[in-house]
Amino acid sequence: MKTTETTATAYPKVTGFPGVKDGETFQIAGMEFIKFPSVNGKTPVVMRGVAFRSRFGDNNDLRSSDALKKMQKDILPKIIEAIGEENVLTFETDLTTLDGLKPYGAMESKISLPTFDFYRENVEIFDKYPVDEWWWSATPESAQPHDNPWWIVCVAPSGYSSDYSHFSDGYAVRPFLIFNSSIFESSEE
């Protein structure tokens, strides 16, 4: 019996995205991302559409979530392969709850979800690229002692926000990363 091996789609290595301005999109590893304003040589990017749909996890802590594990396994390696690990920066995601509690502290990683604060600070850019479904943020709604660790802030297609339970199935995942800003500069700059 003959077996065939399946190979992953190989995407070309990218040396940069010169000329992409804040609020514009660009392609990487077969995925489209939105560029946000750079700060201190670091450029946040968010997937324009939906990477996949998933329940959040066993609670509202992003650090142990199903969504994060799948992004780390399926999305991050493709991006690193396309632009090089040196251009995908490690960053901190603030996991302060919407009501101000800090039981989860912050998470260091190379891929995450946008926090609700990031969404609010950049709502004009997000509004240019709506998605047709609710998507998870990294922000828990609350935690002990205020509430059980169930709820995560989600964003609707209209921009409205609400909280949904961590075991709700099928909400959208929009990966958030930070790239080295130099990949957006032209060789003349």
C-alpha atoms as a PDB file:
ATOM      1  CA  MET A   1       0.000   0.000   0.000  1.00  0.00           C
ATOM      2  CA  LYS A   2       1.429   3.334  -1.033  1.00  0.00           C
ATOM      3  CA  THR A   3       1.252   6.250   1.387  1.00  0.00           C
ATOM      4  CA  THR A   4       1.563   9.844   0.409  1.00  0.00           C
ATOM      5  CA  GLU A   5       3.034  12.472   2.627  1.00  0.00           C
ATOM      6  CA  THR A   6       1.355  15.801   2.867  1.00  0.00           C
ATOM      7  CA  THR A   7       3.613  18.791   2.976  1.00  0.00           C
ATOM      8  CA  ALA A   8       2.842  22.172   4.404  1.00  0.00           C
ATOM      9  CA  THR A   9       2.449  25.021   1.963  1.00  0.00           C
ATOM     10  CA  ALA A  10       5.778  26.773   1.675  1.00  0.00           C
ATOM     11  CA  TYR A  11       5.487  30.533   1.584  1.00  0.00           C
ATOM     12  CA  PRO A  12       8.272  32.702   0.239  1.00  0.00           C
ATOM     13  CA  LYS A  13      10.580  34.366   2.727  1.00  0.00           C
ATOM     14  CA  VAL A  14       9.791  38.083   2.972  1.00  0.00           C
ATOM     15  CA  THR A  15      12.457  40.714   3.492  1.00  0.00           C
ATOM     16  CA  GLY A  16      10.060  43.484   4.425  1.00  0.00           C
ATOM     17  CA  PHE A  17       6.996  45.551   3.697  1.00  0.00           C
ATOM     18  CA  PRO A  18       8.331  48.978   2.674  1.00  0.00           C
ATOM     19  CA  GLY A  19       5.699  51.574   2.047  1.00  0.00           C
ATOM     20  CA  VAL A  20       2.954  49.977   4.170  1.00  0.00           C
ATOM     21  CA  LYS A  21       1.453  52.807   6.213  1.00  0.00           C
ATOM     22  CA  ASP A  22      -0.395  52.699   9.527  1.00  0.00           C
ATOM     23  CA  GLY A  23      -3.910  51.391   9.016  1.00  0.00           C
ATOM     24  CA  GLU A  24      -3.008  49.561   5.790  1.00  0.00           C
ATOM     25  CA  THR A  25      -2.857  45.832   5.206  1.00  0.00           C
ATOM     26  CA  PHE A  26      -0.115  43.514   3.952  1.00  0.00           C
ATOM     27  CA  GLN A  27       0.236  39.801   3.189  1.00  0.00           C
ATOM     28  CA  ILE A  28       2.493  37.371   5.000  1.00  0.00           C
ATOM     29  CA  ALA A  29       2.503  33.560   4.789  1.00  0.00           C
ATOM     30  CA  GLY A  30      -0.860  33.563   3.021  1.00  0.00           C
ATOM     31  CA  MET A  31      -2.478  35.715   5.733  1.00  0.00           C
ATOM     32  CA  GLU A  32      -3.483  39.376   5.700  1.00  0.00           C
ATOM     33  CA  PHE A  33      -2.523  41.665   8.586  1.00  0.00           C
ATOM     34  CA  ILE A  34      -3.276  45.260   9.549  1.00  0.00           C
ATOM     35  CA  LYS A  35      -0.375  47.552  10.502  1.00  0.00           C
ATOM     36  CA  PHE A  36      -0.849  49.768  13.560  1.00  0.00           C
ATOM     37  CA  PRO A  37       1.273  52.768  14.656  1.00  0.00           C
ATOM     38  CA  SER A  38       4.815  51.897  15.751  1.00  0.00           C
ATOM     39  CA  VAL A  39       6.184  52.735  19.182  1.00  0.00           C
ATOM     40  CA  ASN A  40       9.928  52.653  19.916  1.00  0.00           C
ATOM     41  CA  GLY A  41      10.804  50.477  16.927  1.00  0.00           C
ATOM     42  CA  LYS A  42       7.973  48.012  17.554  1.00  0.00           C
ATOM     43  CA  THR A  43       5.008  47.688  15.189  1.00  0.00           C
ATOM     44  CA  PRO A  44       1.801  45.975  16.348  1.00  0.00           C
ATOM     45  CA  VAL A  45      -0.110  43.958  13.746  1.00  0.00           C
ATOM     46  CA  VAL A  46      -3.472  42.172  13.907  1.00  0.00           C
ATOM     47  CA  MET A  47      -4.871  39.641  11.469  1.00  0.00           C
ATOM     48  CA  ARG A  48      -7.349  41.414   9.201  1.00  0.00           C
ATOM     49  CA  GLY A  49      -9.793  38.529   9.230  1.00  0.00           C
ATOM     50  CA  VAL A  50     -10.251  35.399  11.274  1.00  0.00           C
ATOM     51  CA  ALA A  51      -7.502  32.814  11.736  1.00  0.00           C
ATOM     52  CA  PHE A  52      -9.889  30.196  13.134  1.00  0.00           C
ATOM     53  CA  ARG A  53     -12.857  29.807  15.466  1.00  0.00           C
ATOM     54  CA  SER A  54     -12.402  28.349  18.914  1.00  0.00           C
ATOM     55  CA  ARG A  55     -13.683  28.199  22.429  1.00  0.00           C
ATOM     56  CA  PHE A  56     -11.425  30.340  24.606  1.00  0.00           C
ATOM     57  CA  GLY A  57     -10.303  27.628  27.029  1.00  0.00           C
ATOM     58  CA  ASP A  58     -10.944  26.168  30.482  1.00  0.00           C
ATOM     59  CA  ASN A  59     -11.170  29.630  32.110  1.00  0.00           C
ATOM     60  CA  ASN A  60     -10.677  33.280  31.143  1.00  0.00           C
ATOM     61  CA  ASP A  61      -6.866  33.280  31.534  1.00  0.00           C
ATOM     62  CA  LEU A  62      -5.248  33.674  28.113  1.00  0.00           C
ATOM     63  CA  ARG A  63      -2.000  32.056  29.314  1.00  0.00           C
ATOM     64  CA  SER A  64      -3.607  28.586  29.386  1.00  0.00           C
ATOM     65  CA  SER A  65      -6.206  29.105  26.663  1.00  0.00           C
ATOM     66  CA  ASP A  66      -6.983  26.845  23.712  1.00  0.00           C
ATOM     67  CA  ALA A  67      -6.878  29.912  21.467  1.00  0.00           C
ATOM     68  CA  LEU A  68      -3.281  30.752  22.437  1.00  0.00           C
ATOM     69  CA  LYS A  69      -2.067  27.158  22.060  1.00  0.00           C
ATOM     70  CA  LYS A  70      -3.533  26.916  18.551  1.00  0.00           C
ATOM     71  CA  MET A  71      -2.031  30.289  17.507  1.00  0.00           C
ATOM     72  CA  GLN A  72       1.380  29.196  18.814  1.00  0.00           C
ATOM     73  CA  LYS A  73       1.151  25.896  16.939  1.00  0.00           C
ATOM     74  CA  ASP A  74      -0.503  26.899  13.651  1.00  0.00           C
ATOM     75  CA  ILE A  75       0.116  30.626  13.032  1.00  0.00           C
ATOM     76  CA  LEU A  76       3.370  31.685  14.710  1.00  0.00           C
ATOM     77  CA  PRO A  77       5.709  29.174  12.955  1.00  0.00           C
ATOM     78  CA  LYS A  78       4.486  30.294   9.516  1.00  0.00           C
ATOM     79  CA  ILE A  79       5.150  33.942  10.327  1.00  0.00           C
ATOM     80  CA  ILE A  80       8.586  33.240  11.798  1.00  0.00           C
ATOM     81  CA  GLU A  81       9.494  31.194   8.734  1.00  0.00           C
ATOM     82  CA  ALA A  82       8.371  34.017   6.427  1.00  0.00           C
ATOM     83  CA  ILE A  83      10.113  37.000   8.092  1.00  0.00           C
ATOM     84  CA  GLY A  84      12.639  35.490  10.491  1.00  0.00           C
ATOM     85  CA  GLU A  85      12.469  35.052  14.239  1.00  0.00           C
ATOM     86  CA  GLU A  86      14.467  38.250  14.808  1.00  0.00           C
ATOM     87  CA  ASN A  87      11.579  40.274  13.328  1.00  0.00           C
ATOM     88  CA  VAL A  88       8.844  38.721  15.497  1.00  0.00           C
ATOM     89  CA  LEU A  89       9.328  40.343  18.895  1.00  0.00           C
ATOM     90  CA  THR A  90       8.509  38.982  22.323  1.00  0.00           C
ATOM     91  CA  PHE A  91       6.116  41.329  24.105  1.00  0.00           C
ATOM     92  CA  GLU A  92       3.949  41.562  27.192  1.00  0.00           C
ATOM     93  CA  THR A  93       0.156  41.258  27.113  1.00  0.00           C
ATOM     94  CA  ASP A  94      -1.514  42.953  30.087  1.00  0.00           C
ATOM     95  CA  LEU A  95      -4.168  40.568  31.422  1.00  0.00           C
ATOM     96  CA  THR A  96      -5.790  43.073  33.788  1.00  0.00           C
ATOM     97  CA  THR A  97      -9.513  42.369  33.941  1.00  0.00           C
ATOM     98  CA  LEU A  98     -12.030  44.864  32.596  1.00  0.00           C
ATOM     99  CA  ASP A  99     -12.972  45.764  36.187  1.00  0.00           C
ATOM    100  CA  GLY A 100      -9.319  46.390  37.126  1.00  0.00           C
ATOM    101  CA  LEU A 101      -8.276  43.170  38.896  1.00  0.00           C
ATOM    102  CA  LYS A 102      -4.789  41.780  38.209  1.00  0.00           C
ATOM    103  CA  PRO A 103      -4.877  38.071  39.155  1.00  0.00           C
ATOM    104  CA  TYR A 104      -3.215  36.981  35.890  1.00  0.00           C
ATOM    105  CA  GLY A 105      -0.591  39.720  35.712  1.00  0.00           C
ATOM    106  CA  ALA A 106       0.966  39.882  32.263  1.00  0.00           C
ATOM    107  CA  MET A 107       1.951  37.264  29.729  1.00  0.00           C
ATOM    108  CA  GLU A 108       5.171  37.313  27.699  1.00  0.00           C
ATOM    109  CA  SER A 109       4.916  35.786  24.237  1.00  0.00           C
ATOM    110  CA  LYS A 110       5.436  36.298  20.504  1.00  0.00           C
ATOM    111  CA  ILE A 111       1.716  35.947  19.674  1.00  0.00           C
ATOM    112  CA  SER A 112      -1.425  36.907  21.556  1.00  0.00           C
ATOM    113  CA  LEU A 113      -4.883  38.389  21.112  1.00  0.00           C
ATOM    114  CA  PRO A 114      -5.497  42.142  21.083  1.00  0.00           C
ATOM    115  CA  THR A 115      -6.406  43.507  24.516  1.00  0.00           C
ATOM    116  CA  PHE A 116      -9.642  45.446  24.789  1.00  0.00           C
ATOM    117  CA  ASP A 117      -7.581  48.568  25.609  1.00  0.00           C
ATOM    118  CA  PHE A 118      -5.638  48.137  22.330  1.00  0.00           C
ATOM    119  CA  TYR A 119      -8.926  47.817  20.468  1.00  0.00           C
ATOM    120  CA  ARG A 120     -10.317  51.001  22.080  1.00  0.00           C
ATOM    121  CA  GLU A 121      -7.107  52.961  21.386  1.00  0.00           C
ATOM    122  CA  ASN A 122      -7.202  51.922  17.714  1.00  0.00           C
ATOM    123  CA  VAL A 123     -10.927  51.618  17.039  1.00  0.00           C
ATOM    124  CA  GLU A 124     -10.738  53.829  13.926  1.00  0.00           C
ATOM    125  CA  ILE A 125      -8.326  51.400  12.271  1.00  0.00           C
ATOM    126  CA  PHE A 126     -10.296  48.321  13.372  1.00  0.00           C
ATOM    127  CA  ASP A 127     -13.487  49.931  11.997  1.00  0.00           C
ATOM    128  CA  LYS A 128     -11.911  50.056   8.515  1.00  0.00           C
ATOM    129  CA  TYR A 129     -11.628  46.239   8.559  1.00  0.00           C
ATOM    130  CA  PRO A 130     -14.693  44.754  10.261  1.00  0.00           C
ATOM    131  CA  VAL A 131     -15.154  41.003  10.505  1.00  0.00           C
ATOM    132  CA  ASP A 132     -18.544  39.337  10.199  1.00  0.00           C
ATOM    133  CA  GLU A 133     -18.475  37.674  13.598  1.00  0.00           C
ATOM    134  CA  TRP A 134     -17.695  38.159  17.256  1.00  0.00           C
ATOM    135  CA  TRP A 135     -13.990  37.870  18.148  1.00  0.00           C
ATOM    136  CA  TRP A 136     -12.134  37.215  21.398  1.00  0.00           C
ATOM    137  CA  SER A 137      -9.944  39.848  23.053  1.00  0.00           C
ATOM    138  CA  ALA A 138      -7.231  38.967  25.585  1.00  0.00           C
ATOM    139  CA  THR A 139      -9.103  40.853  28.322  1.00  0.00           C
ATOM    140  CA  PRO A 140     -10.960  38.921  31.042  1.00  0.00           C
ATOM    141  CA  GLU A 141     -14.177  40.582  32.184  1.00  0.00           C
ATOM    142  CA  SER A 142     -13.491  39.864  35.867  1.00  0.00           C
ATOM    143  CA  ALA A 143     -12.022  37.299  38.262  1.00  0.00           C
ATOM    144  CA  GLN A 144     -12.121  36.288  41.909  1.00  0.00           C
ATOM    145  CA  PRO A 145     -13.181  37.789  44.272  1.00  0.00           C
ATOM    146  CA  HIS A 146     -15.621  39.717  42.029  1.00  0.00           C
ATOM    147  CA  ASP A 147     -16.756  36.889  39.800  1.00  0.00           C
ATOM    148  CA  ASN A 148     -15.933  33.393  38.644  1.00  0.00           C
ATOM    149  CA  PRO A 149     -13.235  33.217  35.949  1.00  0.00           C
ATOM    150  CA  TRP A 150     -15.725  32.674  33.121  1.00  0.00           C
ATOM    151  CA  TRP A 151     -16.067  35.788  31.018  1.00  0.00           C
ATOM    152  CA  ILE A 152     -13.867  37.320  28.325  1.00  0.00           C
ATOM    153  CA  VAL A 153     -14.510  40.609  26.503  1.00  0.00           C
ATOM    154  CA  CYS A 154     -15.505  40.016  22.861  1.00  0.00           C
ATOM    155  CA  VAL A 155     -16.010  42.486  19.998  1.00  0.00           C
ATOM    156  CA  ALA A 156     -18.994  42.309  17.651  1.00  0.00           C
ATOM    157  CA  PRO A 157     -18.980  42.991  13.896  1.00  0.00           C
ATOM    158  CA  SER A 158     -20.563  46.366  14.669  1.00  0.00           C
ATOM    159  CA  GLY A 159     -17.805  47.257  17.168  1.00  0.00           C
ATOM    160  CA  TYR A 160     -20.090  46.688  20.139  1.00  0.00           C
ATOM    161  CA  SER A 161     -18.461  44.754  22.992  1.00  0.00           C
ATOM    162  CA  SER A 162     -19.826  42.244  25.458  1.00  0.00           C
ATOM    163  CA  ASP A 163     -18.533  39.366  27.523  1.00  0.00           C
ATOM    164  CA  TYR A 164     -18.860  35.689  26.694  1.00  0.00           C
ATOM    165  CA  SER A 165     -18.081  32.569  28.637  1.00  0.00           C
ATOM    166  CA  HIS A 166     -14.720  30.880  28.084  1.00  0.00           C
ATOM    167  CA  PHE A 167     -16.433  27.659  27.022  1.00  0.00           C
ATOM    168  CA  SER A 168     -18.582  29.366  24.365  1.00  0.00           C
ATOM    169  CA  ASP A 169     -17.679  27.646  21.137  1.00  0.00           C
ATOM    170  CA  GLY A 170     -16.837  29.140  17.805  1.00  0.00           C
ATOM    171  CA  TYR A 171     -15.817  32.742  18.467  1.00  0.00           C
ATOM    172  CA  ALA A 172     -13.196  34.182  16.136  1.00  0.00           C
ATOM    173  CA  VAL A 173      -9.475  34.417  16.849  1.00  0.00           C
ATOM    174  CA  ARG A 174      -7.539  37.386  15.415  1.00  0.00           C
ATOM    175  CA  PRO A 175      -3.827  36.983  16.195  1.00  0.00           C
ATOM    176  CA  PHE A 176      -1.877  39.964  17.525  1.00  0.00           C
ATOM    177  CA  LEU A 177       1.903  40.221  17.085  1.00  0.00           C
ATOM    178  CA  ILE A 178       4.612  42.850  17.291  1.00  0.00           C
ATOM    179  CA  PHE A 179       7.152  43.121  14.481  1.00  0.00           C
ATOM    180  CA  ASN A 180      10.481  44.893  14.355  1.00  0.00           C
ATOM    181  CA  SER A 181       9.632  48.241  12.716  1.00  0.00           C
ATOM    182  CA  SER A 182      12.628  48.023  10.414  1.00  0.00           C
ATOM    183  CA  ILE A 183      10.774  45.574   8.151  1.00  0.00           C
ATOM    184  CA  PHE A 184       8.409  48.416   7.191  1.00  0.00           C
ATOM    185  CA  GLU A 185      11.213  50.794   6.195  1.00  0.00           C
ATOM    186  CA  SER A 186      12.476  51.109   2.648  1.00  0.00           C
ATOM    187  CA  SER A 187      16.188  50.746   1.932  1.00  0.00           C
ATOM    188  CA  GLU A 188      16.310  54.497   1.145  1.00  0.00           C
ATOM    189  CA  GLU A 189      15.133  55.502   4.638  1.00  0.00           C
END
